[in-house]
Each structure stands twice: as structure tokens, then as C-alpha cells.
N, C-alpha and C. Protein backbone atom coordinates (compact mmCIF):
# COMPACT_ATOMS: atom_id res chain seq x y z
N UNK A 1 -37.27 -21.19 -74.30
CA UNK A 1 -36.48 -22.52 -74.21
C UNK A 1 -37.52 -23.50 -73.56
N UNK A 2 -37.67 -24.64 -74.22
CA UNK A 2 -38.67 -25.57 -73.73
C UNK A 2 -38.17 -26.30 -72.40
N UNK A 3 -39.18 -26.91 -71.75
CA UNK A 3 -38.82 -27.42 -70.44
C UNK A 3 -37.88 -28.61 -70.70
N UNK A 4 -38.03 -29.29 -71.88
CA UNK A 4 -37.06 -30.40 -72.23
C UNK A 4 -35.70 -30.03 -72.36
N UNK A 5 -35.55 -28.77 -72.91
CA UNK A 5 -34.20 -28.38 -73.21
C UNK A 5 -33.60 -27.37 -72.05
N UNK A 6 -34.36 -27.14 -71.11
CA UNK A 6 -33.99 -26.09 -70.02
C UNK A 6 -32.70 -26.77 -69.33
N UNK A 7 -31.71 -26.01 -69.05
CA UNK A 7 -30.57 -26.54 -68.39
C UNK A 7 -30.89 -26.95 -66.96
N UNK A 8 -30.26 -27.98 -66.48
CA UNK A 8 -30.50 -28.45 -65.08
C UNK A 8 -29.83 -27.44 -64.12
N UNK A 9 -30.46 -27.22 -63.08
CA UNK A 9 -29.99 -26.24 -62.08
C UNK A 9 -29.22 -27.09 -60.96
N UNK A 10 -28.19 -26.62 -60.58
CA UNK A 10 -27.48 -27.15 -59.37
C UNK A 10 -28.16 -26.59 -58.13
N UNK A 11 -27.71 -27.06 -56.94
CA UNK A 11 -28.31 -26.62 -55.72
C UNK A 11 -28.09 -25.12 -55.49
N UNK A 12 -27.05 -24.62 -55.96
CA UNK A 12 -26.79 -23.18 -55.78
C UNK A 12 -25.64 -22.75 -56.69
N UNK A 13 -25.52 -21.46 -57.14
CA UNK A 13 -24.53 -21.03 -58.00
C UNK A 13 -23.16 -21.26 -57.49
N UNK A 14 -22.18 -21.85 -58.21
CA UNK A 14 -20.84 -21.96 -57.66
C UNK A 14 -20.20 -20.57 -57.78
N UNK A 15 -19.21 -20.35 -56.83
CA UNK A 15 -18.56 -19.03 -56.96
C UNK A 15 -17.73 -19.00 -58.19
N UNK A 16 -18.03 -17.99 -59.07
CA UNK A 16 -17.42 -17.87 -60.38
C UNK A 16 -15.90 -17.74 -60.28
N UNK A 17 -15.39 -17.12 -59.20
CA UNK A 17 -13.91 -16.83 -59.05
C UNK A 17 -13.16 -18.14 -58.87
N UNK A 18 -13.81 -19.21 -58.40
CA UNK A 18 -13.21 -20.41 -58.12
C UNK A 18 -13.20 -21.48 -59.33
N UNK A 19 -13.94 -21.03 -60.29
CA UNK A 19 -14.04 -21.99 -61.49
C UNK A 19 -13.01 -21.83 -62.40
N UNK A 20 -12.23 -22.87 -62.63
CA UNK A 20 -11.15 -22.85 -63.75
C UNK A 20 -11.78 -23.23 -65.09
N UNK A 21 -11.04 -23.04 -66.08
CA UNK A 21 -11.66 -23.26 -67.42
C UNK A 21 -12.08 -24.72 -67.61
N UNK A 22 -11.43 -25.66 -67.11
CA UNK A 22 -11.80 -27.09 -67.28
C UNK A 22 -13.09 -27.33 -66.49
N UNK A 23 -13.19 -26.67 -65.37
CA UNK A 23 -14.41 -26.89 -64.64
C UNK A 23 -15.64 -26.12 -65.38
N UNK A 24 -15.36 -24.98 -65.95
CA UNK A 24 -16.46 -24.41 -66.66
C UNK A 24 -16.84 -25.31 -67.80
N UNK A 25 -15.87 -25.91 -68.55
CA UNK A 25 -16.21 -26.79 -69.59
C UNK A 25 -16.95 -28.02 -69.14
N UNK A 26 -16.69 -28.56 -68.09
CA UNK A 26 -17.44 -29.67 -67.48
C UNK A 26 -18.85 -29.19 -67.16
N UNK A 27 -19.03 -28.03 -66.60
CA UNK A 27 -20.29 -27.53 -66.21
C UNK A 27 -21.24 -27.35 -67.44
N UNK A 28 -20.55 -26.77 -68.56
CA UNK A 28 -21.27 -26.69 -69.74
C UNK A 28 -21.67 -27.88 -70.28
N UNK A 29 -20.82 -28.97 -70.29
CA UNK A 29 -21.26 -30.34 -70.81
C UNK A 29 -22.36 -30.90 -70.01
N UNK A 30 -22.53 -30.61 -68.78
CA UNK A 30 -23.56 -31.13 -67.88
C UNK A 30 -24.73 -30.24 -67.85
N UNK A 31 -24.86 -29.19 -68.67
CA UNK A 31 -25.95 -28.20 -68.78
C UNK A 31 -26.27 -27.55 -67.46
N UNK A 32 -25.16 -27.14 -66.74
CA UNK A 32 -25.43 -26.40 -65.58
C UNK A 32 -25.58 -24.91 -65.86
N UNK A 33 -26.84 -24.39 -65.61
CA UNK A 33 -27.03 -23.04 -65.99
C UNK A 33 -26.29 -21.93 -65.24
N UNK A 34 -25.84 -22.32 -63.98
CA UNK A 34 -25.02 -21.30 -63.22
C UNK A 34 -23.63 -21.23 -63.72
N UNK A 35 -23.19 -22.47 -64.21
CA UNK A 35 -21.83 -22.36 -64.83
C UNK A 35 -21.84 -21.63 -66.15
N UNK A 36 -23.00 -21.84 -66.85
CA UNK A 36 -23.03 -21.21 -68.17
C UNK A 36 -23.08 -19.63 -67.94
N UNK A 37 -23.77 -19.21 -66.84
CA UNK A 37 -23.83 -17.82 -66.53
C UNK A 37 -22.37 -17.23 -66.30
N UNK A 38 -21.57 -18.15 -65.57
CA UNK A 38 -20.08 -17.72 -65.28
C UNK A 38 -19.39 -17.61 -66.56
N UNK A 39 -19.69 -18.67 -67.58
CA UNK A 39 -18.96 -18.65 -68.85
C UNK A 39 -19.26 -17.32 -69.55
N UNK A 40 -20.56 -16.87 -69.60
CA UNK A 40 -20.91 -15.60 -70.29
C UNK A 40 -20.23 -14.48 -69.63
N UNK A 41 -20.12 -14.41 -68.32
CA UNK A 41 -19.50 -13.30 -67.61
C UNK A 41 -17.99 -13.41 -67.93
N UNK A 42 -17.37 -14.45 -68.13
CA UNK A 42 -15.96 -14.55 -68.31
C UNK A 42 -15.61 -14.21 -69.78
N UNK A 43 -16.42 -14.56 -70.79
CA UNK A 43 -16.14 -14.35 -72.17
C UNK A 43 -17.02 -13.48 -72.93
N UNK A 44 -18.15 -13.11 -72.32
CA UNK A 44 -18.98 -12.23 -73.10
C UNK A 44 -18.44 -11.02 -73.70
N UNK A 45 -17.63 -10.32 -72.86
CA UNK A 45 -16.93 -9.04 -73.32
C UNK A 45 -15.93 -9.25 -74.49
N UNK A 46 -15.18 -10.37 -74.35
CA UNK A 46 -14.25 -10.73 -75.45
C UNK A 46 -14.98 -11.02 -76.69
N UNK A 47 -16.10 -11.77 -76.64
CA UNK A 47 -16.88 -12.07 -77.84
C UNK A 47 -17.44 -10.79 -78.50
N UNK A 48 -18.00 -9.98 -77.60
CA UNK A 48 -18.53 -8.76 -78.19
C UNK A 48 -17.41 -7.76 -78.73
N UNK A 49 -16.43 -7.77 -78.15
CA UNK A 49 -15.25 -6.87 -78.72
C UNK A 49 -14.81 -7.36 -80.04
N UNK A 50 -14.73 -8.76 -80.23
CA UNK A 50 -14.41 -9.33 -81.50
C UNK A 50 -15.48 -8.89 -82.62
N UNK A 51 -16.68 -9.06 -82.20
CA UNK A 51 -17.79 -8.76 -83.18
C UNK A 51 -17.71 -7.31 -83.48
N UNK A 52 -17.55 -6.36 -82.66
CA UNK A 52 -17.57 -4.84 -82.93
C UNK A 52 -16.47 -4.57 -83.85
N UNK A 53 -15.24 -5.19 -83.59
CA UNK A 53 -14.05 -4.83 -84.43
C UNK A 53 -14.23 -5.34 -85.84
N UNK A 54 -14.89 -6.57 -85.93
CA UNK A 54 -15.12 -7.14 -87.30
C UNK A 54 -16.20 -6.50 -88.10
N UNK A 55 -17.24 -6.22 -87.37
CA UNK A 55 -18.51 -5.71 -88.00
C UNK A 55 -18.60 -4.21 -88.10
N UNK A 56 -18.06 -3.62 -87.16
CA UNK A 56 -18.18 -2.01 -86.99
C UNK A 56 -19.54 -1.55 -86.79
N UNK A 57 -20.36 -2.32 -86.14
CA UNK A 57 -21.79 -1.99 -85.86
C UNK A 57 -22.15 -2.60 -84.44
N UNK A 58 -22.50 -1.76 -83.64
CA UNK A 58 -22.71 -2.14 -82.17
C UNK A 58 -23.98 -3.15 -82.08
N UNK A 59 -25.04 -2.78 -82.96
CA UNK A 59 -26.17 -3.56 -82.87
C UNK A 59 -25.92 -5.00 -83.46
N UNK A 60 -25.22 -4.97 -84.60
CA UNK A 60 -24.93 -6.36 -85.04
C UNK A 60 -24.01 -7.12 -84.13
N UNK A 61 -23.12 -6.47 -83.45
CA UNK A 61 -22.28 -7.11 -82.43
C UNK A 61 -23.01 -7.67 -81.39
N UNK A 62 -24.02 -6.92 -80.94
CA UNK A 62 -24.89 -7.49 -79.84
C UNK A 62 -25.69 -8.76 -80.31
N UNK A 63 -26.23 -8.63 -81.62
CA UNK A 63 -26.78 -9.81 -82.14
C UNK A 63 -25.87 -11.12 -82.22
N UNK A 64 -24.63 -10.87 -82.71
CA UNK A 64 -23.67 -11.85 -82.82
C UNK A 64 -23.31 -12.45 -81.36
N UNK A 65 -23.08 -11.66 -80.51
CA UNK A 65 -22.74 -12.06 -79.08
C UNK A 65 -23.90 -12.96 -78.56
N UNK A 66 -25.09 -12.64 -78.71
CA UNK A 66 -26.27 -13.48 -78.32
C UNK A 66 -26.21 -14.81 -79.05
N UNK A 67 -25.96 -14.70 -80.37
CA UNK A 67 -26.01 -16.01 -81.21
C UNK A 67 -24.92 -16.84 -80.86
N UNK A 68 -23.70 -16.34 -80.47
CA UNK A 68 -22.65 -17.14 -80.02
C UNK A 68 -22.94 -17.93 -78.80
N UNK A 69 -23.54 -17.28 -77.84
CA UNK A 69 -23.84 -18.10 -76.53
C UNK A 69 -25.07 -18.93 -76.71
N UNK A 70 -25.94 -18.60 -77.45
CA UNK A 70 -27.08 -19.55 -77.84
C UNK A 70 -26.57 -20.76 -78.51
N UNK A 71 -25.67 -20.44 -79.48
CA UNK A 71 -25.01 -21.63 -80.22
C UNK A 71 -24.14 -22.42 -79.42
N UNK A 72 -23.39 -21.86 -78.38
CA UNK A 72 -22.64 -22.61 -77.47
C UNK A 72 -23.45 -23.45 -76.51
N UNK A 73 -24.63 -22.86 -76.08
CA UNK A 73 -25.46 -23.75 -75.19
C UNK A 73 -26.14 -24.85 -76.01
N UNK A 74 -26.71 -24.61 -77.17
CA UNK A 74 -27.31 -25.58 -77.95
C UNK A 74 -26.31 -26.74 -78.46
N UNK A 75 -25.08 -26.22 -78.69
CA UNK A 75 -24.10 -27.12 -79.26
C UNK A 75 -23.17 -27.67 -78.26
N UNK A 76 -23.51 -27.59 -76.95
CA UNK A 76 -22.49 -27.85 -75.80
C UNK A 76 -21.95 -29.34 -75.94
N UNK A 77 -22.83 -30.23 -76.54
CA UNK A 77 -22.33 -31.59 -76.70
C UNK A 77 -21.16 -31.74 -77.63
N UNK A 78 -20.96 -30.62 -78.43
CA UNK A 78 -19.80 -30.57 -79.40
C UNK A 78 -18.57 -30.11 -78.72
N UNK A 79 -18.59 -29.71 -77.47
CA UNK A 79 -17.38 -29.23 -76.86
C UNK A 79 -16.56 -30.45 -76.29
N UNK A 80 -15.39 -30.66 -76.70
CA UNK A 80 -14.54 -31.69 -76.22
C UNK A 80 -13.29 -31.12 -75.65
N UNK A 81 -13.13 -31.12 -74.36
CA UNK A 81 -11.94 -30.51 -73.75
C UNK A 81 -10.57 -30.98 -74.23
N UNK A 82 -10.56 -32.29 -74.60
CA UNK A 82 -9.29 -32.89 -75.13
C UNK A 82 -8.89 -32.23 -76.42
N UNK A 83 -9.86 -31.53 -77.17
CA UNK A 83 -9.44 -30.91 -78.41
C UNK A 83 -8.92 -29.58 -78.24
N UNK A 84 -9.19 -28.99 -77.17
CA UNK A 84 -8.80 -27.50 -76.99
C UNK A 84 -9.51 -26.92 -75.79
N UNK A 85 -9.04 -25.74 -75.25
CA UNK A 85 -9.73 -25.14 -74.24
C UNK A 85 -11.13 -24.49 -74.58
N UNK A 86 -11.94 -24.18 -73.60
CA UNK A 86 -13.23 -23.64 -73.78
C UNK A 86 -13.16 -22.36 -74.36
N UNK A 87 -12.22 -21.43 -74.07
CA UNK A 87 -12.09 -20.14 -74.60
C UNK A 87 -11.90 -20.19 -76.18
N UNK A 88 -11.02 -21.05 -76.56
CA UNK A 88 -10.64 -21.22 -77.99
C UNK A 88 -11.94 -21.80 -78.73
N UNK A 89 -12.66 -22.72 -78.08
CA UNK A 89 -14.07 -23.13 -78.77
C UNK A 89 -14.95 -22.01 -78.88
N UNK A 90 -15.01 -21.18 -77.91
CA UNK A 90 -15.97 -20.01 -78.10
C UNK A 90 -15.57 -19.02 -79.13
N UNK A 91 -14.22 -18.83 -79.18
CA UNK A 91 -13.65 -17.90 -80.27
C UNK A 91 -13.96 -18.53 -81.64
N UNK A 92 -13.83 -19.77 -81.78
CA UNK A 92 -14.19 -20.39 -83.04
C UNK A 92 -15.72 -20.13 -83.50
N UNK A 93 -16.56 -20.34 -82.38
CA UNK A 93 -18.01 -20.08 -82.77
C UNK A 93 -18.13 -18.60 -83.10
N UNK A 94 -17.52 -17.70 -82.41
CA UNK A 94 -17.59 -16.27 -82.70
C UNK A 94 -17.15 -15.99 -84.13
N UNK A 95 -16.09 -16.52 -84.59
CA UNK A 95 -15.67 -16.29 -85.90
C UNK A 95 -16.60 -16.75 -86.96
N UNK A 96 -17.27 -17.88 -86.65
CA UNK A 96 -18.20 -18.34 -87.62
C UNK A 96 -19.49 -17.52 -87.70
N UNK A 97 -19.93 -17.04 -86.47
CA UNK A 97 -21.17 -16.20 -86.42
C UNK A 97 -20.71 -14.81 -87.11
N UNK A 98 -19.53 -14.36 -86.93
CA UNK A 98 -19.24 -12.97 -87.69
C UNK A 98 -19.29 -13.26 -89.17
N UNK A 99 -18.76 -14.35 -89.60
CA UNK A 99 -18.77 -14.60 -91.08
C UNK A 99 -20.23 -14.62 -91.49
N UNK A 100 -21.06 -15.34 -90.77
CA UNK A 100 -22.50 -15.43 -91.11
C UNK A 100 -23.14 -14.04 -91.10
N UNK A 101 -22.71 -13.17 -90.16
CA UNK A 101 -23.34 -11.80 -90.16
C UNK A 101 -22.88 -10.97 -91.30
N UNK A 102 -21.66 -11.14 -91.72
CA UNK A 102 -21.08 -10.37 -92.90
C UNK A 102 -21.77 -10.87 -94.09
N UNK A 103 -21.93 -12.20 -94.28
CA UNK A 103 -22.66 -12.73 -95.50
C UNK A 103 -24.07 -12.22 -95.43
N UNK A 104 -24.76 -12.23 -94.28
CA UNK A 104 -26.12 -11.75 -94.29
C UNK A 104 -26.21 -10.25 -94.62
N UNK A 105 -25.20 -9.50 -94.30
CA UNK A 105 -25.20 -8.08 -94.62
C UNK A 105 -25.02 -7.91 -96.15
N UNK A 106 -24.17 -8.76 -96.71
CA UNK A 106 -23.97 -8.72 -98.15
C UNK A 106 -25.27 -8.98 -98.89
N UNK A 107 -25.99 -10.01 -98.45
CA UNK A 107 -27.24 -10.39 -99.07
C UNK A 107 -28.26 -9.28 -98.83
N UNK A 108 -28.30 -8.70 -97.71
CA UNK A 108 -29.29 -7.65 -97.38
C UNK A 108 -28.98 -6.47 -98.33
N UNK A 109 -27.80 -6.04 -98.48
CA UNK A 109 -27.55 -4.87 -99.28
C UNK A 109 -27.80 -5.12 -100.70
N UNK A 110 -27.60 -6.42 -101.13
CA UNK A 110 -27.87 -6.76 -102.59
C UNK A 110 -29.44 -6.71 -102.79
N UNK A 111 -30.15 -7.09 -101.76
CA UNK A 111 -31.68 -7.06 -101.96
C UNK A 111 -32.12 -5.66 -102.01
N UNK A 112 -31.63 -4.78 -101.16
CA UNK A 112 -32.01 -3.43 -101.04
C UNK A 112 -31.63 -2.69 -102.47
N UNK A 113 -30.46 -3.10 -102.97
CA UNK A 113 -29.92 -2.41 -104.15
C UNK A 113 -30.81 -2.96 -105.34
N UNK A 114 -31.15 -4.13 -105.36
CA UNK A 114 -32.02 -4.71 -106.47
C UNK A 114 -33.45 -4.06 -106.38
N UNK A 115 -33.91 -4.03 -105.19
CA UNK A 115 -35.25 -3.53 -105.02
C UNK A 115 -35.32 -2.00 -105.48
N UNK A 116 -34.14 -1.27 -105.12
CA UNK A 116 -34.07 0.14 -105.48
C UNK A 116 -34.06 0.36 -106.94
N UNK A 117 -33.23 -0.46 -107.65
CA UNK A 117 -33.25 -0.30 -109.11
C UNK A 117 -34.56 -0.63 -109.75
N UNK A 118 -35.30 -1.71 -109.34
CA UNK A 118 -36.49 -2.16 -109.82
C UNK A 118 -37.52 -1.06 -109.55
N UNK A 119 -37.53 -0.49 -108.40
CA UNK A 119 -38.56 0.52 -108.04
C UNK A 119 -38.37 1.79 -108.77
N UNK A 120 -37.11 2.13 -109.17
CA UNK A 120 -36.90 3.41 -109.84
C UNK A 120 -37.11 3.20 -111.30
N UNK A 121 -37.34 2.04 -111.82
CA UNK A 121 -37.69 1.86 -113.21
C UNK A 121 -39.15 1.78 -113.45
N UNK A 122 -39.68 2.67 -114.06
CA UNK A 122 -41.10 2.76 -114.38
C UNK A 122 -41.57 1.70 -115.33
N UNK A 123 -42.42 0.83 -114.81
CA UNK A 123 -42.78 -0.29 -115.75
C UNK A 123 -44.02 0.15 -116.65
N UNK A 124 -44.12 -0.42 -117.89
CA UNK A 124 -45.21 0.01 -118.73
C UNK A 124 -46.52 -0.29 -118.08
N UNK A 125 -47.44 0.69 -118.09
CA UNK A 125 -48.76 0.68 -117.52
C UNK A 125 -48.75 0.91 -116.01
N UNK A 126 -47.67 1.26 -115.39
CA UNK A 126 -47.58 1.60 -114.00
C UNK A 126 -48.18 3.07 -113.87
N UNK A 127 -49.04 3.24 -113.00
CA UNK A 127 -49.52 4.65 -112.75
C UNK A 127 -48.54 5.34 -111.85
N UNK A 128 -48.61 6.76 -111.87
CA UNK A 128 -47.56 7.56 -111.10
C UNK A 128 -47.70 7.15 -109.68
N UNK A 129 -48.84 6.90 -109.09
CA UNK A 129 -48.96 6.65 -107.74
C UNK A 129 -48.26 5.24 -107.44
N UNK A 130 -48.39 4.31 -108.19
CA UNK A 130 -47.63 3.02 -107.98
C UNK A 130 -46.21 3.22 -107.99
N UNK A 131 -45.73 3.97 -108.94
CA UNK A 131 -44.30 4.22 -109.08
C UNK A 131 -43.77 4.99 -107.74
N UNK A 132 -44.53 6.02 -107.41
CA UNK A 132 -44.09 6.68 -106.12
C UNK A 132 -44.04 5.89 -104.94
N UNK A 133 -45.10 4.95 -104.80
CA UNK A 133 -45.15 4.08 -103.73
C UNK A 133 -44.01 3.16 -103.61
N UNK A 134 -43.57 2.66 -104.85
CA UNK A 134 -42.44 1.71 -104.77
C UNK A 134 -41.16 2.52 -104.47
N UNK A 135 -40.95 3.70 -104.94
CA UNK A 135 -39.82 4.48 -104.55
C UNK A 135 -39.76 4.77 -103.09
N UNK A 136 -40.89 5.23 -102.56
CA UNK A 136 -40.96 5.69 -101.17
C UNK A 136 -40.72 4.24 -100.29
N UNK A 137 -41.35 3.19 -100.78
CA UNK A 137 -41.17 1.99 -99.98
C UNK A 137 -39.76 1.54 -99.75
N UNK A 138 -38.97 1.58 -101.00
CA UNK A 138 -37.57 1.10 -100.93
C UNK A 138 -36.68 2.22 -100.16
N UNK A 139 -36.89 3.50 -100.44
CA UNK A 139 -36.18 4.50 -99.70
C UNK A 139 -36.36 4.30 -98.13
N UNK A 140 -37.67 4.19 -97.82
CA UNK A 140 -37.89 4.13 -96.35
C UNK A 140 -37.37 2.76 -95.67
N UNK A 141 -37.50 1.72 -96.59
CA UNK A 141 -36.97 0.35 -96.10
C UNK A 141 -35.43 0.48 -95.73
N UNK A 142 -34.79 1.28 -96.57
CA UNK A 142 -33.35 1.38 -96.33
C UNK A 142 -33.01 2.16 -95.04
N UNK A 143 -34.06 2.92 -94.61
CA UNK A 143 -33.82 3.72 -93.38
C UNK A 143 -34.23 3.11 -92.16
N UNK A 144 -34.91 1.88 -92.29
CA UNK A 144 -35.39 1.20 -91.04
C UNK A 144 -34.23 0.70 -90.18
N UNK A 145 -34.53 0.53 -88.91
CA UNK A 145 -33.53 -0.12 -88.09
C UNK A 145 -33.25 -1.53 -88.65
N UNK A 146 -31.99 -2.03 -88.55
CA UNK A 146 -31.50 -3.18 -89.22
C UNK A 146 -32.36 -4.37 -88.99
N UNK A 147 -32.82 -4.56 -87.75
CA UNK A 147 -33.65 -5.77 -87.40
C UNK A 147 -34.95 -5.69 -88.21
N UNK A 148 -35.56 -4.53 -88.21
CA UNK A 148 -36.90 -4.43 -88.88
C UNK A 148 -36.72 -4.61 -90.48
N UNK A 149 -35.65 -3.97 -90.87
CA UNK A 149 -35.32 -4.11 -92.41
C UNK A 149 -35.01 -5.55 -92.74
N UNK A 150 -34.25 -6.36 -91.93
CA UNK A 150 -34.00 -7.73 -92.27
C UNK A 150 -35.30 -8.53 -92.34
N UNK A 151 -36.23 -8.36 -91.36
CA UNK A 151 -37.42 -9.06 -91.31
C UNK A 151 -38.35 -8.83 -92.59
N UNK A 152 -38.45 -7.49 -92.91
CA UNK A 152 -39.28 -7.09 -94.04
C UNK A 152 -38.70 -7.52 -95.36
N UNK A 153 -37.37 -7.46 -95.52
CA UNK A 153 -36.66 -7.81 -96.81
C UNK A 153 -37.03 -9.34 -96.91
N UNK A 154 -36.86 -10.20 -95.89
CA UNK A 154 -37.06 -11.57 -96.04
C UNK A 154 -38.53 -11.83 -96.43
N UNK A 155 -39.43 -11.05 -95.85
CA UNK A 155 -40.78 -11.27 -96.13
C UNK A 155 -41.17 -10.77 -97.50
N UNK A 156 -40.68 -9.51 -97.90
CA UNK A 156 -41.07 -8.97 -99.23
C UNK A 156 -40.32 -9.71 -100.38
N UNK A 157 -38.98 -9.91 -100.25
CA UNK A 157 -38.29 -10.34 -101.32
C UNK A 157 -37.90 -11.86 -101.32
N UNK A 158 -38.00 -12.35 -100.04
CA UNK A 158 -37.73 -13.81 -99.94
C UNK A 158 -38.90 -14.69 -99.85
N UNK A 159 -40.10 -13.98 -99.75
CA UNK A 159 -41.39 -14.65 -99.68
C UNK A 159 -41.43 -15.67 -98.49
N UNK A 160 -40.79 -15.25 -97.43
CA UNK A 160 -40.87 -16.26 -96.23
C UNK A 160 -41.98 -15.80 -95.30
N UNK A 161 -42.49 -16.74 -94.63
CA UNK A 161 -43.49 -16.45 -93.61
C UNK A 161 -42.77 -16.09 -92.37
N UNK A 162 -43.57 -15.56 -91.35
CA UNK A 162 -42.89 -15.09 -90.08
C UNK A 162 -42.23 -16.27 -89.40
N UNK A 163 -42.82 -17.46 -89.45
CA UNK A 163 -42.32 -18.57 -88.81
C UNK A 163 -40.92 -19.02 -89.45
N UNK A 164 -40.94 -18.92 -90.80
CA UNK A 164 -39.78 -19.23 -91.59
C UNK A 164 -38.59 -18.20 -91.31
N UNK A 165 -39.00 -16.94 -91.14
CA UNK A 165 -38.09 -15.91 -90.82
C UNK A 165 -37.50 -16.14 -89.45
N UNK A 166 -38.27 -16.56 -88.46
CA UNK A 166 -37.76 -16.85 -87.12
C UNK A 166 -36.75 -18.06 -87.18
N UNK A 167 -37.08 -19.00 -88.00
CA UNK A 167 -36.21 -20.22 -88.09
C UNK A 167 -34.90 -19.84 -88.81
N UNK A 168 -34.96 -19.03 -89.84
CA UNK A 168 -33.66 -18.67 -90.48
C UNK A 168 -32.83 -17.67 -89.76
N UNK A 169 -33.49 -16.78 -89.08
CA UNK A 169 -32.61 -15.75 -88.29
C UNK A 169 -32.34 -16.21 -86.82
N UNK A 170 -33.00 -17.16 -86.33
CA UNK A 170 -32.82 -17.44 -84.94
C UNK A 170 -33.56 -16.62 -83.98
N UNK A 171 -34.40 -15.52 -84.55
CA UNK A 171 -35.13 -14.71 -83.59
C UNK A 171 -36.34 -15.44 -83.04
N UNK A 172 -36.80 -15.07 -81.92
CA UNK A 172 -38.11 -15.63 -81.41
C UNK A 172 -39.21 -15.15 -82.27
N UNK A 173 -40.21 -16.02 -82.48
CA UNK A 173 -41.27 -15.64 -83.42
C UNK A 173 -41.89 -14.37 -82.89
N UNK A 174 -42.13 -14.14 -81.63
CA UNK A 174 -42.69 -12.92 -81.15
C UNK A 174 -41.90 -11.63 -81.50
N UNK A 175 -40.58 -11.85 -81.56
CA UNK A 175 -39.73 -10.67 -81.97
C UNK A 175 -39.86 -10.38 -83.41
N UNK A 176 -39.98 -11.51 -84.17
CA UNK A 176 -40.18 -11.31 -85.62
C UNK A 176 -41.51 -10.54 -85.88
N UNK A 177 -42.54 -10.99 -85.18
CA UNK A 177 -43.85 -10.32 -85.40
C UNK A 177 -43.78 -8.80 -85.05
N UNK A 178 -43.10 -8.57 -83.90
CA UNK A 178 -42.91 -7.13 -83.51
C UNK A 178 -42.18 -6.22 -84.43
N UNK A 179 -41.00 -6.85 -84.94
CA UNK A 179 -40.36 -6.07 -85.94
C UNK A 179 -41.14 -5.87 -87.23
N UNK A 180 -41.84 -6.85 -87.61
CA UNK A 180 -42.65 -6.76 -88.96
C UNK A 180 -43.80 -5.67 -88.72
N UNK A 181 -44.44 -5.67 -87.46
CA UNK A 181 -45.50 -4.79 -87.19
C UNK A 181 -44.99 -3.34 -87.20
N UNK A 182 -43.85 -3.07 -86.54
CA UNK A 182 -43.30 -1.81 -86.44
C UNK A 182 -42.76 -1.23 -87.77
N UNK A 183 -42.03 -2.20 -88.49
CA UNK A 183 -41.50 -1.81 -89.78
C UNK A 183 -42.69 -1.44 -90.79
N UNK A 184 -43.76 -2.29 -90.81
CA UNK A 184 -44.80 -1.98 -91.70
C UNK A 184 -45.61 -0.62 -91.40
N UNK A 185 -45.72 -0.44 -90.07
CA UNK A 185 -46.39 0.80 -89.65
C UNK A 185 -45.57 2.08 -90.11
N UNK A 186 -44.17 2.00 -90.03
CA UNK A 186 -43.40 3.00 -90.44
C UNK A 186 -43.47 3.19 -91.94
N UNK A 187 -43.36 2.10 -92.64
CA UNK A 187 -43.44 2.12 -94.10
C UNK A 187 -44.80 2.81 -94.56
N UNK A 188 -45.89 2.23 -93.99
CA UNK A 188 -47.22 2.86 -94.43
C UNK A 188 -47.30 4.35 -94.05
N UNK A 189 -46.80 4.75 -92.96
CA UNK A 189 -46.80 6.23 -92.63
C UNK A 189 -45.96 6.98 -93.62
N UNK A 190 -44.77 6.38 -94.02
CA UNK A 190 -43.90 7.15 -94.95
C UNK A 190 -44.65 7.25 -96.34
N UNK A 191 -45.30 6.27 -96.75
CA UNK A 191 -45.98 6.34 -98.11
C UNK A 191 -47.09 7.34 -98.02
N UNK A 192 -47.89 7.41 -96.88
CA UNK A 192 -48.99 8.30 -96.86
C UNK A 192 -48.53 9.66 -96.79
N UNK A 193 -47.31 9.95 -96.05
CA UNK A 193 -46.73 11.34 -96.05
C UNK A 193 -46.21 11.73 -97.31
N UNK A 194 -45.62 10.75 -98.07
CA UNK A 194 -44.95 10.93 -99.36
C UNK A 194 -46.10 11.48 -100.36
N UNK A 195 -47.27 10.75 -100.28
CA UNK A 195 -48.28 11.07 -101.27
C UNK A 195 -48.86 12.41 -100.95
N UNK A 196 -48.99 12.70 -99.63
CA UNK A 196 -49.62 14.01 -99.18
C UNK A 196 -48.59 15.18 -99.57
N UNK A 197 -47.32 14.88 -99.63
CA UNK A 197 -46.42 15.94 -100.00
C UNK A 197 -46.14 16.16 -101.42
N UNK A 198 -46.73 15.35 -102.24
CA UNK A 198 -46.54 15.40 -103.68
C UNK A 198 -47.70 16.27 -104.34
N UNK A 199 -47.27 17.35 -105.13
CA UNK A 199 -48.22 18.22 -105.66
C UNK A 199 -48.96 17.52 -106.74
N UNK A 200 -50.25 17.88 -106.91
CA UNK A 200 -51.01 17.34 -108.02
C UNK A 200 -50.49 17.72 -109.32
N UNK A 201 -50.59 16.84 -110.30
CA UNK A 201 -50.10 17.20 -111.67
C UNK A 201 -51.11 18.15 -112.26
């Protein structure tokens, strides 16, 4: 978070137990980081539970929970107490982020399915090593942790740079680079092992 966008700090953290919802809402609007921490403590579990029930995946639910509160902080100017309570506003953000996660999952599965069908179709002029590499690549890609798979799919099939991936996914650039490095290392190792285990013709 840049210094320009860092939340202003109050003299000291207010006691969370004495903060009512309208006070939390006012604190959010004034960018009080201690109040925002209280908001997370109060609604974090609710948001996470909603995400787990909708997505059925703990890792995706963690990602959605993080995205909800990042979105709430960045979009705090859009919270208007007169339109409804803070909790309902957060639930609305959660539902949108869950829909986004489900749509991303659908796109991801479609990419993997398309790549799998393409890799298993031997093209004219393709050598056996090239075909084997494509099959191994796609099979191993499907086995990667979801975060690594997402980054590599966007890079391989979406032709996105790491900076563009960070912008699209909301991940820090350093995290994108780390996922790409680890995923590529695992894919390279899988291809090497697959070749070594293939008997010569």
C-alpha cells in the first residue's frame, strides 16, 4: 500500500467491544486503520464462511475473504450509512467476489480443458518428444496448486505479462513472480522425469 493511500492512524486503537456498527462505518469512511481492524475481526469469519459454503474450497475462500476486505478498504468512499448497515454492505461485496471467483474457475477449467484437448492431438510434423512434452505439461499444470495454475494459465494461454496478471488478479507482483517461478520449476521437473521414464522406441 503506497504512503498516499495508507490509512490514517488514530492516537490509539479504540476498544472494539465499544464500537457500534455506525461507529465502525464512520471509522471506515475516515480511513481509520484501527477501526478497519475491528471491522475485519467482526465480519471476517462471516465472510469466510459464506465463501466456503459457496465455493467449497478453503483456499479460494481465503482468497475471496482477502479480496472482500481489500475491496472494502479501497472502496470505502462508496459506503453510505443511509443506504444500509455496514454488515449488509460487506455481504454485498462478498457475494460479488464469490461470483467473480466462480466465473474465474469456469474460465480456468475451460482453459485447461482446451489445452488438454489440443495437447493430446498430434499435429502434423510434431515429433514424439514435442507431443509428450505437451501432454506432460497440461497434465502437470492441472495438478499444480490453484494459485500457481492460475498464474501460468494466464501467462501461457492469455499471453499476459506478470504485471498484467497482477493487475487482473489483484495479487502483488512479487506473489505473481513467486507463483510463476515455483510453477515453472515443477513443470520443468515433471517434463524431465516424464522423458526419463519413457522407453526408447
